[in-house]
Each structure stands twice: as C-alpha cells, then as structure tokens.
Amino acid sequence: MATTPVIPTNITVHLGRPNSNAENVTVPFTDYIKNVASSEIYPTWPEAAIRANILAQISFALNRVYTEFYRSRGYDFDITNTTAFDQAYTKDGEVYENISRITDEIFNNYLVRTGSVEPLFAQFCDGYNTTCPGLSQWGTVTLANNGMSPLEILQFYFGDNVSIVFNAPISDNTQSYPGVALRKGSFGDDVVIIKRELNRIAQNYPAIPKIKFINGVYDLETENAVKKFQEIFNLDADGIVGKATWYKIKQIFASVKQLSDLTSEGLTISEISRRYTRELRPGSQGLDVEALQYYLAFIGYFYPYLPPIPITGYFGEMTRDAVFAFQSYYGLPITGVVDGNVFAKVEQVYRDAVAELPANYQSAIGEPYPGRFLTEGDRGESVRIIQGYLNKIGQNVPEIPAIDVDGIFGPLTKGAVIALQQYLGIEETGAIGPVEWAEIITLGNNL
C-alpha cells in the first residue's frame, strides 16, 4: 500500500468479538484514543510512560484502519473493543483529564519502521496478568522511572528501527499544525487564519472577544481571544496556539460551520405536515422525508450511533441505514420503515437533544429549531428569541417593523414575520416554520 496514512476523522468500533451480533459505534478518532488510553492505563503513571502507551495505541488503531483489516474481510467496522483482538474501548467510559490533554497533543503522531509508511502494528499487553511479544504497559512505568523518553521506551520494545511520524494530515483536509506554536509576536498567514476562525467561532461563543484587525500579527487582542477560547474548551489558558489549541480551533470552526450549514441546508421546507398518514420507506420522497432527514442529521451531529446523511427529500440507502441505526438503538422493530410512531420517537429524541445540549453548543448551532411551528398566540422563550432576531434584522431591513421582545406571538409579531417572508420571497404564512427559523437565525448571526 503506497499511500501515506492520514488520521481518520472518525472510527467505527464493534462492541464485541468480530463475528458477534454487537452494536457498532462511530466516534471521533481522538475520543476513541482517549477512551482506550483511559481504559488501558493509569493517569498516575509517569508522563513518559503515558505518552509511550498512547503512541502505541494510536499506531495500533491506525494500522487497523490503514490496512482495512476488518473492512477487507466484509465487516462494516474498523476495529473491535475485544482485547483478544484489539484494544479495550468502553462505551461512554470515563476519560482522565491528563490523558485527554496528552492525546490532544499527539493524536496525529504514530509509529513506523524505517523504510515503511504503514503505521506500526504496535501490539501490547499489560505485562502483569498477560505477556506478549510487544509492549508491556506496566513495564513502561519502570522504564519511565529510569529516565527513558517515550521514543526510547518504544524502541526498547519494538526495536531501534522504530520512529515517530509527527503531525500526520487528517482525512477531512483540516489544515495541519504548522509545527511551531503561535504566540504574541508571531506573524504570518497562519496567524491570519487563526484570527478569522476565532472571529467566526465568536459569533456563536460571544464570550470570545472579537479581534478587530485581521492581519498577520499575533497581538494582545489575539492572545486574549485565544485565552477565552481555551477557557471555554478546557485547555490550558496560556494564550498560545500550540498543537492542541490549533486542532481544537479547527474542530470547533468546522463544527460551527457544519451545523450552520445543516440548519440552512436542512430547513428548506416552507411547511412540514406534523401528522403522518402514510409510511416512509426506501423510494419515498417529499417534504415528509426531508423533515425526517433533518431531524436524523441533527441528532447525528451529537450522537455517533447515527451515520451522517444528506438532506435530499429522497429516502435512499443512506436514510434507510440511519433509520436502521435509530430503530436498533432505541429498541424499535428494525424495519427501515418510518411510521407515525417511529417519527414521533425521532422528534422526541431531537427535542431531548436540544434540551440537553450544553450552553456552548446551544449557541454554536445558532439557536436550534424548537421542532414545531410558532404561530400567533404562542408564548415562550422561542418566541422571544425570534422577536429579538427580527428586531436585529429590521435594523438593516427597513421593511421589517420593530416589535416588543415580550415572548408573546401577537399580531405585530405576525406582521413582522410576514414582512420577512415578503422580503425573502417565500410563502406569507405569518408563522415561523423551519425555513423561517433558519433564515432568521442565519441572517441575524451574520449581521
């Protein structure tokens, strides 16, 4: 295999032996490594031992993905969680803070042998209850206490012809870390990129101060914005864009844009029938299917048991697979068909997902659609949010009259909604459906 390995954005784990009828979960690659490391080793070990173990775990997992060990054999997953074959992964398992931090720093480093591009199949065992030809996890503690570096520990077990590949590219084309930390006084194109991305993130995380001058100089403004970003995302708030902060900025920037795209792309219907009189199945098409796809796509951003799907209005194989996964996870008959009961469950999970998201995610998705039309006579926080956004838009679009932000959907609010619909050239219902919600939130956030 001649291609250069890349770090997968996600990895699919089979929660059992390869031939077992067990659940598959798809999780971010970094989360997988953090989980494995927290399951396999102890956070109190010397840092050199922890780093050596994590590098072996990364390399092991990448080898499975790169060689398509399971997929080439007809399986629909990349790796199992059975230690007889692979690494210990515990669904929803605890992750230790220092292990998380170290993984963020080294997740795209891996081991190779001299003259090879394939990630090393870095076999390991605990060295206490079991022994194997590869790395001894408890043995790494002794070697680290004797002063060995992570690479020296790994070479002790795997041979002197083992080296570390640093900063491998990521499969979603995320721009690679430049190799040198950016800090106050740094300059160049990378600084410009970080400033722009932080400002875009700040639209959804308003605690991050906006950077006024988007130039190539890393100034005090930039340092303060980076510090606040680091505080929000549980990084060391030193104001320096090292490797962990670089990739976290890239991750959140991509997430904000993807979820904004989802909101804009997925909510392209002027009306959704809330009462389903027919079943949706492969081959179905129309607004009902589009609504189903939107809810499943939204849920899938936060719950990895659902595969990503496009919002097309056509019930194809990808939608069927998402329905299969949803029905399996929630103990429904696995039919791939969506009747009224299944759709009601999808809507319930969507509403629960919105309600349970942390505050920073609530803002990251630009106020999630409440899951139903808002019409005259409604009251509550969703109405208040829309009124505030309508007033904000009205400052730039004089056709939209100012209204009281009181959380009451009265005649004046309805008039403002109709004015917006006229401005957008969509059906003038005077109600806030998915398309109006998406347009209002997007317009308001872009001002």
Protein backbone atom coordinates (compact mmCIF):
# COMPACT_ATOMS: atom_id res chain seq x y z
CA MET A 1 0.00 0.00 0.00
CA ALA A 2 1.74 3.12 -1.19
CA THR A 3 -0.48 5.93 0.02
CA THR A 4 0.57 7.98 3.02
CA PRO A 5 -1.58 7.32 6.10
CA VAL A 6 -3.96 10.03 7.28
CA ILE A 7 -5.72 10.35 10.62
CA PRO A 8 -9.40 9.43 10.23
CA THR A 9 -11.92 11.93 11.49
CA ASN A 10 -14.00 9.08 12.94
CA ILE A 11 -13.51 5.39 13.67
CA THR A 12 -16.23 2.73 13.89
CA VAL A 13 -15.88 0.35 16.84
CA HIS A 14 -17.64 -3.03 17.09
CA LEU A 15 -18.57 -3.60 20.72
CA GLY A 16 -17.82 -7.31 20.76
CA ARG A 17 -15.93 -10.07 19.03
CA PRO A 18 -15.72 -9.69 15.24
CA ASN A 19 -18.42 -12.28 14.46
CA SER A 20 -20.77 -11.26 17.26
CA ASN A 21 -24.09 -9.51 16.73
CA ALA A 22 -22.93 -6.50 18.73
CA GLU A 23 -23.50 -2.79 18.34
CA ASN A 24 -21.25 -0.58 16.21
CA VAL A 25 -20.47 2.93 17.43
CA THR A 26 -18.81 5.61 15.33
CA VAL A 27 -16.82 8.11 17.38
CA PRO A 28 -14.20 10.81 16.69
CA PHE A 29 -10.77 9.24 16.44
CA THR A 30 -9.37 11.41 19.25
CA ASP A 31 -12.26 10.41 21.55
CA TYR A 32 -11.59 6.76 20.75
CA ILE A 33 -7.91 7.04 21.71
CA LYS A 34 -8.75 8.94 24.92
CA ASN A 35 -11.23 6.23 25.86
CA VAL A 36 -8.81 3.39 25.10
CA ALA A 37 -5.97 5.03 26.98
CA SER A 38 -8.19 5.71 30.00
CA SER A 39 -9.35 2.08 29.91
CA GLU A 40 -5.88 0.57 29.48
CA ILE A 41 -3.52 2.66 31.61
CA TYR A 42 -3.48 4.77 34.76
CA PRO A 43 -3.39 8.57 34.83
CA THR A 44 -0.93 8.49 37.76
CA TRP A 45 1.79 6.86 35.67
CA PRO A 46 4.86 8.91 34.67
CA GLU A 47 4.09 11.09 31.65
CA ALA A 48 6.74 9.40 29.50
CA ALA A 49 5.01 6.05 30.09
CA ILE A 50 1.58 7.52 29.31
CA ARG A 51 2.87 9.06 26.08
CA ALA A 52 4.55 5.82 25.01
CA ASN A 53 1.36 3.86 25.60
CA ILE A 54 -0.85 6.37 23.77
CA LEU A 55 1.50 6.39 20.79
CA ALA A 56 1.31 2.60 20.65
CA GLN A 57 -2.49 2.74 20.88
CA ILE A 58 -2.72 5.36 18.11
CA SER A 59 -0.42 3.33 15.88
CA PHE A 60 -2.34 0.12 16.54
CA ALA A 61 -5.68 1.71 15.65
CA LEU A 62 -4.28 3.42 12.55
CA ASN A 63 -2.86 0.11 11.37
CA ARG A 64 -6.34 -1.44 11.56
CA VAL A 65 -7.81 1.47 9.59
CA TYR A 66 -4.95 1.81 7.09
CA THR A 67 -4.80 -1.89 6.22
CA GLU A 68 -8.62 -2.13 6.24
CA PHE A 69 -8.11 -5.22 8.37
CA TYR A 70 -11.79 -5.76 9.10
CA ARG A 71 -13.44 -3.97 6.19
CA SER A 72 -11.44 -6.01 3.67
CA ARG A 73 -13.00 -9.08 5.28
CA GLY A 74 -16.53 -7.82 4.74
CA TYR A 75 -17.16 -6.26 8.16
CA ASP A 76 -18.74 -2.81 8.49
CA PHE A 77 -16.41 -1.55 11.23
CA ASP A 78 -12.75 -0.57 11.65
CA ILE A 79 -11.87 -2.19 14.96
CA THR A 80 -13.39 -4.15 17.85
CA ASN A 81 -13.28 -3.50 21.57
CA THR A 82 -12.36 -7.09 22.39
CA THR A 83 -8.86 -7.25 23.87
CA ALA A 84 -8.28 -10.70 22.38
CA PHE A 85 -8.15 -8.91 19.02
CA ASP A 86 -7.85 -5.18 19.57
CA GLN A 87 -7.90 -2.51 22.27
CA ALA A 88 -10.18 -2.00 25.26
CA TYR A 89 -12.89 0.54 24.46
CA THR A 90 -15.71 1.21 26.91
CA LYS A 91 -18.81 2.89 25.54
CA ASP A 92 -19.39 6.14 27.49
CA GLY A 93 -16.31 5.31 29.57
CA GLU A 94 -14.56 7.81 31.82
CA VAL A 95 -11.69 9.81 30.32
CA TYR A 96 -8.94 11.19 32.56
CA GLU A 97 -8.00 14.84 32.22
CA ASN A 98 -4.25 14.42 31.74
CA ILE A 99 -4.76 11.56 29.28
CA SER A 100 -7.18 13.75 27.32
CA ARG A 101 -4.66 16.59 27.25
CA ILE A 102 -1.79 14.39 26.08
CA THR A 103 -3.96 12.75 23.41
CA ASP A 104 -4.93 16.17 22.04
CA GLU A 105 -1.21 16.93 21.69
CA ILE A 106 -0.13 13.70 19.97
CA PHE A 107 -3.24 12.21 18.32
CA ASN A 108 -1.78 12.58 14.82
CA ASN A 109 1.62 11.13 15.63
CA TYR A 110 2.23 7.41 15.09
CA LEU A 111 4.96 4.77 14.87
CA VAL A 112 6.60 3.37 11.74
CA ARG A 113 9.54 1.16 10.94
CA THR A 114 12.36 2.62 8.88
CA GLY A 115 11.53 2.41 5.19
CA SER A 116 7.80 1.81 5.75
CA VAL A 117 4.80 4.12 5.61
CA GLU A 118 2.36 1.71 7.26
CA PRO A 119 1.54 2.56 10.88
CA LEU A 120 3.25 0.02 13.13
CA PHE A 121 1.04 -2.78 14.42
CA ALA A 122 2.11 -1.88 17.94
CA GLN A 123 0.96 -4.91 19.87
CA PHE A 124 0.85 -4.52 23.64
CA CYS A 125 -0.40 -6.19 26.81
CA ASP A 126 -0.41 -5.26 30.47
CA GLY A 127 2.78 -7.23 31.28
CA TYR A 128 1.29 -8.16 34.62
CA ASN A 129 -1.60 -10.55 34.01
CA THR A 130 -0.58 -11.30 30.42
CA THR A 131 2.60 -11.07 28.40
CA CYS A 132 3.11 -10.70 24.66
CA PRO A 133 5.87 -10.03 22.12
CA GLY A 134 5.12 -6.30 22.11
CA LEU A 135 4.98 -3.52 24.65
CA SER A 136 4.47 -4.22 28.36
CA GLN A 137 2.26 -1.50 29.78
CA TRP A 138 3.46 -1.89 33.36
CA GLY A 139 7.00 -2.25 32.05
CA THR A 140 6.79 1.23 30.58
CA VAL A 141 6.37 2.61 34.09
CA THR A 142 9.69 1.11 35.21
CA LEU A 143 11.46 2.39 32.10
CA ALA A 144 9.99 5.88 32.52
CA ASN A 145 11.05 5.97 36.16
CA ASN A 146 14.54 5.06 34.96
CA GLY A 147 14.58 8.22 32.86
CA MET A 148 13.73 6.88 29.40
CA SER A 149 11.88 9.13 26.92
CA PRO A 150 8.71 7.92 25.18
CA LEU A 151 10.65 7.07 22.00
CA GLU A 152 13.34 5.22 23.95
CA ILE A 153 10.64 3.19 25.71
CA LEU A 154 9.02 2.30 22.38
CA GLN A 155 12.36 1.37 20.82
CA PHE A 156 13.10 -0.82 23.82
CA TYR A 157 10.06 -2.94 22.95
CA PHE A 158 9.77 -2.61 19.17
CA GLY A 159 13.40 -2.14 18.08
CA ASP A 160 15.75 0.70 17.22
CA ASN A 161 14.35 0.98 13.68
CA VAL A 162 11.06 2.39 15.02
CA SER A 163 10.50 6.13 14.73
CA ILE A 164 7.64 8.57 15.19
CA VAL A 165 5.80 10.29 12.34
CA PHE A 166 4.73 13.69 13.60
CA ASN A 167 1.71 15.78 12.62
CA ALA A 168 0.15 13.43 10.06
CA PRO A 169 -2.64 15.00 7.95
CA ILE A 170 -6.28 14.49 8.91
CA SER A 171 -8.69 12.88 6.48
CA ASP A 172 -11.16 15.78 6.48
CA ASN A 173 -8.47 18.06 4.99
CA THR A 174 -8.02 20.01 8.22
CA GLN A 175 -5.02 22.26 7.80
CA SER A 176 -2.09 20.68 9.60
CA TYR A 177 -0.48 22.31 12.60
CA PRO A 178 2.42 24.47 11.36
CA GLY A 179 4.85 22.84 13.77
CA VAL A 180 5.64 25.98 15.77
CA ALA A 181 3.35 27.42 18.41
CA LEU A 182 1.79 30.80 17.62
CA ARG A 183 2.08 33.37 20.38
CA LYS A 184 2.15 37.12 20.93
CA GLY A 185 4.71 38.49 18.50
CA SER A 186 4.25 35.72 15.91
CA PHE A 187 3.30 36.76 12.40
CA GLY A 188 2.34 35.23 9.06
CA ASP A 189 -0.54 33.62 7.19
CA ASP A 190 -1.23 31.11 9.95
CA VAL A 191 -1.98 34.00 12.31
CA VAL A 192 -4.44 35.46 9.79
CA ILE A 193 -6.21 32.11 9.54
CA ILE A 194 -6.47 31.70 13.32
CA LYS A 195 -7.83 35.23 13.71
CA ARG A 196 -10.50 34.70 11.08
CA GLU A 197 -11.56 31.36 12.52
CA LEU A 198 -11.71 32.71 16.07
CA ASN A 199 -13.90 35.58 14.91
CA ARG A 200 -16.24 33.14 13.18
CA ILE A 201 -16.37 31.00 16.31
CA ALA A 202 -17.03 34.13 18.40
CA GLN A 203 -20.32 34.66 16.54
CA ASN A 204 -21.57 31.55 18.32
CA TYR A 205 -19.50 31.84 21.50
CA PRO A 206 -19.90 35.53 22.34
CA ALA A 207 -17.67 35.27 25.42
CA ILE A 208 -14.72 35.18 22.99
CA PRO A 209 -13.75 38.79 22.27
CA LYS A 210 -13.79 39.79 18.61
CA ILE A 211 -10.43 40.57 17.00
CA LYS A 212 -10.65 43.91 15.18
CA PHE A 213 -7.58 43.79 12.98
CA ILE A 214 -7.36 40.68 10.80
CA ASN A 215 -3.73 40.95 9.85
CA GLY A 216 -0.74 38.66 10.22
CA VAL A 217 0.38 39.93 13.62
CA TYR A 218 -0.36 37.96 16.78
CA ASP A 219 -1.22 40.85 19.10
CA LEU A 220 -2.72 41.26 22.56
CA GLU A 221 -6.26 41.09 21.14
CA THR A 222 -5.48 37.72 19.61
CA GLU A 223 -3.91 36.43 22.81
CA ASN A 224 -6.99 37.42 24.82
CA ALA A 225 -9.32 35.76 22.31
CA VAL A 226 -7.22 32.58 22.41
CA LYS A 227 -7.24 32.56 26.23
CA LYS A 228 -11.03 32.82 26.35
CA PHE A 229 -11.34 30.08 23.72
CA GLN A 230 -9.05 27.86 25.77
CA GLU A 231 -11.08 28.51 28.94
CA ILE A 232 -14.32 27.54 27.20
CA PHE A 233 -12.88 24.32 25.81
CA ASN A 234 -10.92 23.22 28.88
CA LEU A 235 -7.44 23.82 27.50
CA ASP A 236 -4.53 25.41 29.34
CA ALA A 237 -5.43 29.12 29.09
CA ASP A 238 -1.95 30.35 28.20
CA GLY A 239 -2.92 32.39 25.12
CA ILE A 240 -0.61 30.28 22.94
CA VAL A 241 -1.84 28.34 19.92
CA GLY A 242 0.05 25.11 20.34
CA LYS A 243 -0.90 21.87 18.68
CA ALA A 244 -3.85 21.05 20.94
CA THR A 245 -5.32 24.56 20.66
CA TRP A 246 -4.71 24.65 16.89
CA TYR A 247 -6.69 21.49 16.27
CA LYS A 248 -9.41 22.42 18.76
CA ILE A 249 -9.91 25.74 16.92
CA LYS A 250 -10.10 23.82 13.65
CA GLN A 251 -12.57 21.33 15.14
CA ILE A 252 -14.89 23.97 16.60
CA PHE A 253 -14.66 26.15 13.48
CA ALA A 254 -15.66 23.18 11.33
CA SER A 255 -18.42 22.21 13.77
CA VAL A 256 -19.90 25.69 13.82
CA LYS A 257 -19.87 25.88 10.04
CA GLN A 258 -21.23 22.36 9.57
CA LEU A 259 -24.08 22.93 11.97
CA SER A 260 -24.86 26.29 10.41
CA ASP A 261 -24.84 24.60 7.02
CA LEU A 262 -27.10 21.88 8.37
CA THR A 263 -29.55 24.43 9.70
CA SER A 264 -29.58 26.33 6.44
CA GLU A 265 -29.49 23.27 4.18
CA GLY A 266 -31.77 21.01 6.13
CA LEU A 267 -34.51 23.52 6.82
CA THR A 268 -35.51 24.29 3.25
CA ILE A 269 -39.19 23.49 3.52
CA SER A 270 -41.95 26.05 3.78
CA GLU A 271 -44.27 23.68 5.63
CA ILE A 272 -43.99 20.29 7.33
CA SER A 273 -47.05 18.18 7.88
CA ARG A 274 -46.94 17.27 11.55
CA ARG A 275 -49.34 14.36 11.09
CA TYR A 276 -48.14 11.44 9.05
CA THR A 277 -50.86 9.49 7.28
CA ARG A 278 -48.51 7.16 5.43
CA GLU A 279 -45.33 5.22 5.97
CA LEU A 280 -41.97 6.48 4.76
CA ARG A 281 -39.77 3.81 3.22
CA PRO A 282 -36.98 3.50 0.61
CA GLY A 283 -38.20 5.23 -2.53
CA SER A 284 -40.42 7.74 -0.68
CA GLN A 285 -39.78 11.40 -1.38
CA GLY A 286 -41.09 14.80 -0.48
CA LEU A 287 -41.33 17.14 2.46
CA ASP A 288 -42.01 14.37 4.97
CA VAL A 289 -38.75 12.66 4.03
CA GLU A 290 -36.89 15.97 4.13
CA ALA A 291 -38.18 16.63 7.64
CA LEU A 292 -37.15 13.14 8.77
CA GLN A 293 -33.68 13.61 7.29
CA TYR A 294 -33.24 16.96 9.01
CA TYR A 295 -34.03 15.53 12.44
CA LEU A 296 -31.81 12.47 11.93
CA ALA A 297 -28.95 14.61 10.58
CA PHE A 298 -29.20 16.98 13.53
CA ILE A 299 -29.29 14.14 16.06
CA GLY A 300 -26.32 12.53 14.30
CA TYR A 301 -24.08 15.52 15.00
CA PHE A 302 -24.25 14.75 18.70
CA TYR A 303 -24.98 11.03 18.87
CA PRO A 304 -22.46 8.94 16.91
CA TYR A 305 -24.69 5.89 16.69
CA LEU A 306 -26.35 7.60 13.70
CA PRO A 307 -24.45 7.74 10.40
CA PRO A 308 -24.39 11.14 8.65
CA ILE A 309 -26.98 11.63 5.93
CA PRO A 310 -27.64 14.34 3.34
CA ILE A 311 -30.97 16.16 3.27
CA THR A 312 -32.34 15.45 -0.19
CA GLY A 313 -36.03 14.72 0.25
CA TYR A 314 -35.46 11.24 -1.20
CA PHE A 315 -35.49 8.14 1.01
CA GLY A 316 -32.41 6.31 -0.27
CA GLU A 317 -29.97 3.82 1.18
CA MET A 318 -28.25 6.33 3.47
CA THR A 319 -31.57 7.35 5.02
CA ARG A 320 -32.56 3.70 5.38
CA ASP A 321 -29.28 2.94 7.18
CA ALA A 322 -29.83 5.88 9.53
CA VAL A 323 -33.35 4.64 10.27
CA PHE A 324 -31.99 1.13 10.90
CA ALA A 325 -29.45 2.56 13.35
CA PHE A 326 -32.06 4.70 15.09
CA GLN A 327 -34.52 1.83 15.45
CA SER A 328 -31.80 -0.50 16.72
CA TYR A 329 -30.53 1.98 19.31
CA TYR A 330 -33.99 2.71 20.71
CA GLY A 331 -35.24 -0.87 20.72
CA LEU A 332 -37.78 -0.39 17.94
CA PRO A 333 -38.54 -3.06 15.34
CA ILE A 334 -35.70 -2.82 12.80
CA THR A 335 -37.72 -2.38 9.63
CA GLY A 336 -36.14 0.63 7.93
CA VAL A 337 -39.69 1.96 7.60
CA VAL A 338 -40.88 5.11 9.37
CA ASP A 339 -44.48 5.12 10.54
CA GLY A 340 -46.12 7.63 12.84
CA ASN A 341 -44.71 6.02 15.98
CA VAL A 342 -41.15 5.99 14.68
CA PHE A 343 -41.37 9.58 13.51
CA ALA A 344 -42.76 10.65 16.88
CA LYS A 345 -39.77 8.97 18.57
CA VAL A 346 -37.37 10.76 16.20
CA GLU A 347 -38.97 14.10 17.08
CA GLN A 348 -38.80 13.32 20.79
CA VAL A 349 -35.09 12.47 20.59
CA TYR A 350 -34.47 15.67 18.64
CA ARG A 351 -36.23 17.78 21.27
CA ASP A 352 -34.41 15.99 24.09
CA ALA A 353 -31.08 16.50 22.30
CA VAL A 354 -31.72 20.22 22.00
CA ALA A 355 -32.75 20.49 25.65
CA GLU A 356 -29.74 18.56 26.94
CA LEU A 357 -27.01 20.27 24.94
CA PRO A 358 -24.51 22.31 26.97
CA ALA A 359 -24.92 26.07 26.74
CA ASN A 360 -21.92 26.47 24.44
CA TYR A 361 -23.41 24.01 21.94
CA GLN A 362 -26.78 25.73 22.19
CA SER A 363 -25.14 28.89 20.89
CA ALA A 364 -22.89 27.02 18.47
CA ILE A 365 -25.84 25.87 16.43
CA GLY A 366 -27.34 29.32 16.29
CA GLU A 367 -30.45 28.55 18.36
CA PRO A 368 -31.91 25.15 17.44
CA TYR A 369 -35.30 24.97 15.82
CA PRO A 370 -37.84 24.12 18.55
CA GLY A 371 -39.34 21.30 16.49
CA ARG A 372 -42.74 22.83 15.77
CA PHE A 373 -44.26 25.84 14.01
CA LEU A 374 -44.60 29.04 16.03
CA THR A 375 -47.87 30.81 15.27
CA GLU A 376 -49.94 33.69 16.57
CA GLY A 377 -50.96 33.03 20.15
CA ASP A 378 -47.78 31.16 21.11
CA ARG A 379 -45.74 32.31 24.08
CA GLY A 380 -42.34 31.47 25.47
CA GLU A 381 -38.59 31.68 25.06
CA SER A 382 -38.59 30.55 21.41
CA VAL A 383 -40.90 33.46 20.54
CA ARG A 384 -38.69 35.84 22.50
CA ILE A 385 -35.61 34.63 20.62
CA ILE A 386 -37.27 35.19 17.25
CA GLN A 387 -38.53 38.64 18.22
CA GLY A 388 -35.01 39.68 19.20
CA TYR A 389 -33.61 38.41 15.92
CA LEU A 390 -36.38 40.09 13.90
CA ASN A 391 -35.54 43.42 15.53
CA LYS A 392 -31.87 42.89 14.81
CA ILE A 393 -32.60 42.15 11.15
CA GLY A 394 -35.02 45.08 10.99
CA GLN A 395 -32.19 47.48 11.78
CA ASN A 396 -30.79 46.62 8.34
CA VAL A 397 -34.03 45.74 6.52
CA PRO A 398 -36.44 48.67 6.96
CA GLU A 399 -39.38 46.66 5.59
CA ILE A 400 -39.43 44.68 8.86
CA PRO A 401 -41.09 46.73 11.63
CA ALA A 402 -39.74 46.86 15.19
CA ILE A 403 -41.67 44.80 17.76
CA ASP A 404 -41.65 44.29 21.51
CA VAL A 405 -39.49 41.42 22.72
CA ASP A 406 -42.02 40.06 25.19
CA GLY A 407 -42.26 36.38 24.25
CA ILE A 408 -45.85 36.80 23.02
CA PHE A 409 -46.63 35.98 19.39
CA GLY A 410 -49.24 38.66 18.76
CA PRO A 411 -50.48 40.47 15.63
CA LEU A 412 -47.44 42.75 15.47
CA THR A 413 -45.05 39.80 15.60
CA LYS A 414 -47.09 38.09 12.90
CA GLY A 415 -46.85 41.23 10.78
CA ALA A 416 -43.08 41.31 11.19
CA VAL A 417 -42.90 37.65 10.17
CA ILE A 418 -44.99 38.32 7.06
CA ALA A 419 -42.74 41.26 6.20
CA LEU A 420 -39.71 38.98 6.48
CA GLN A 421 -41.40 36.35 4.31
CA GLN A 422 -42.14 39.01 1.70
CA TYR A 423 -38.51 40.12 1.86
CA LEU A 424 -37.30 36.53 1.42
CA GLY A 425 -39.81 35.74 -1.32
CA ILE A 426 -41.36 32.76 0.48
CA GLU A 427 -44.94 31.87 1.29
CA GLU A 428 -46.53 34.51 3.55
CA THR A 429 -48.00 32.33 6.29
CA GLY A 430 -47.18 34.59 9.22
CA ALA A 431 -45.86 31.52 11.04
CA ILE A 432 -42.32 30.51 11.97
CA GLY A 433 -41.59 27.15 10.39
CA PRO A 434 -38.22 25.56 9.76
CA VAL A 435 -37.31 27.72 6.78
CA GLU A 436 -38.20 30.96 8.55
CA TRP A 437 -36.36 29.90 11.70
CA ALA A 438 -33.21 29.06 9.77
CA GLU A 439 -33.30 32.26 7.73
CA ILE A 440 -33.92 34.47 10.76
CA ILE A 441 -31.14 32.91 12.85
CA THR A 442 -28.69 32.88 9.93
CA LEU A 443 -29.44 36.47 8.92
CA GLY A 444 -29.21 37.67 12.49
CA ASN A 445 -25.94 35.90 13.21
CA ASN A 446 -24.37 37.20 10.00
CA LEU A 447 -25.10 40.83 10.79
